[in-house]
C-alpha atoms as a PDB file:
ATOM      1  CA  MET A   1      -5.168 158.690 198.696  1.00  0.00           C
ATOM      2  CA  ASN A   2      -3.803 161.790 196.915  1.00  0.00           C
ATOM      3  CA  LEU A   3      -5.016 162.418 193.456  1.00  0.00           C
ATOM      4  CA  ILE A   4      -2.679 163.762 190.812  1.00  0.00           C
ATOM      5  CA  ARG A   5      -3.904 167.031 189.435  1.00  0.00           C
ATOM      6  CA  LEU A   6      -2.031 168.021 186.293  1.00  0.00           C
ATOM      7  CA  GLY A   7      -1.611 171.632 185.353  1.00  0.00           C
ATOM      8  CA  CYS A   8       0.829 174.690 185.437  1.00  0.00           C
ATOM      9  CA  ILE A   9       2.244 174.831 188.966  1.00  0.00           C
ATOM     10  CA  ASP A  10       4.454 177.987 188.381  1.00  0.00           C
ATOM     11  CA  GLU A  11       2.916 180.930 190.240  1.00  0.00           C
ATOM     12  CA  ASN A  12       4.536 183.376 187.811  1.00  0.00           C
ATOM     13  CA  ALA A  13       2.781 181.826 184.827  1.00  0.00           C
ATOM     14  CA  CYS A  14      -0.301 183.375 183.220  1.00  0.00           C
ATOM     15  CA  ASN A  15      -2.201 180.082 183.441  1.00  0.00           C
ATOM     16  CA  TYR A  16      -1.084 179.114 186.947  1.00  0.00           C
ATOM     17  CA  ASN A  17      -3.410 176.450 188.406  1.00  0.00           C
ATOM     18  CA  PRO A  18      -3.476 176.556 192.190  1.00  0.00           C
ATOM     19  CA  THR A  19      -5.321 173.221 192.463  1.00  0.00           C
ATOM     20  CA  ALA A  20      -2.559 171.371 190.443  1.00  0.00           C
ATOM     21  CA  ASN A  21       0.017 169.379 192.239  1.00  0.00           C
ATOM     22  CA  SER A  22       1.998 168.075 189.310  1.00  0.00           C
ATOM     23  CA  SER A  23       3.311 169.936 186.330  1.00  0.00           C
ATOM     24  CA  ASP A  24       2.101 169.013 182.866  1.00  0.00           C
ATOM     25  CA  ASN A  25       4.524 171.500 181.207  1.00  0.00           C
ATOM     26  CA  SER A  26       1.568 173.716 180.033  1.00  0.00           C
ATOM     27  CA  CYS A  27       2.746 176.988 181.649  1.00  0.00           C
ATOM     28  CA  GLU A  28       2.366 180.038 179.554  1.00  0.00           C
ATOM     29  CA  TYR A  29       4.235 183.260 180.152  1.00  0.00           C
ATOM     30  CA  PRO A  30       3.611 186.886 178.914  1.00  0.00           C
ATOM     31  CA  GLU A  31       5.781 188.451 176.217  1.00  0.00           C
ATOM     32  CA  GLN A  32       8.653 190.587 177.460  1.00  0.00           C
ATOM     33  CA  PHE A  33       7.374 193.976 178.843  1.00  0.00           C
ATOM     34  CA  LYS A  34       3.736 192.800 178.836  1.00  0.00           C
ATOM     35  CA  ASN A  35       1.339 191.463 181.286  1.00  0.00           C
ATOM     36  CA  CYS A  36      -0.615 188.291 180.878  1.00  0.00           C
ATOM     37  CA  ASP A  37      -3.464 190.071 179.277  1.00  0.00           C
ATOM     38  CA  GLY A  38      -1.118 191.557 176.642  1.00  0.00           C
ATOM     39  CA  SER A  39      -1.066 195.100 177.873  1.00  0.00           C
ATOM     40  CA  CYS A  40       2.247 196.906 178.420  1.00  0.00           C
ATOM     41  CA  ILE A  41       3.842 196.954 181.801  1.00  0.00           C
ATOM     42  CA  ASN A  42       3.581 200.300 183.500  1.00  0.00           C
ATOM     43  CA  GLY A  43       1.403 201.634 180.710  1.00  0.00           C
ATOM     44  CA  SER A  44       4.368 202.120 178.381  1.00  0.00           C
ATOM     45  CA  ASP A  45       4.266 200.692 174.931  1.00  0.00           C
ATOM     46  CA  ILE A  46       7.899 199.680 174.408  1.00  0.00           C
ATOM     47  CA  GLU A  47       7.413 198.837 170.742  1.00  0.00           C
ATOM     48  CA  GLU A  48       5.863 202.146 170.057  1.00  0.00           C
ATOM     49  CA  ILE A  49       8.780 204.049 171.831  1.00  0.00           C
ATOM     50  CA  ALA A  50      11.293 201.925 169.970  1.00  0.00           C
ATOM     51  CA  SER A  51       9.652 202.655 166.530  1.00  0.00           C
ATOM     52  CA  ARG A  52       9.721 206.393 167.396  1.00  0.00           C
ATOM     53  CA  LEU A  53      13.466 206.287 168.177  1.00  0.00           C
ATOM     54  CA  SER A  54      14.384 204.493 164.895  1.00  0.00           C
END
């Protein structure tokens, strides 16, 4: 018998659950240009750069 394990099954989501086998629509994704921990991708702070240009 297979048990249903609810969770986020999208490997690209921050809260991916590798033991889940059925989606509960709980997936969370990072903000644009940021990693799951909130740091900027490639060490660039896009917001800071944009504010300097305006």
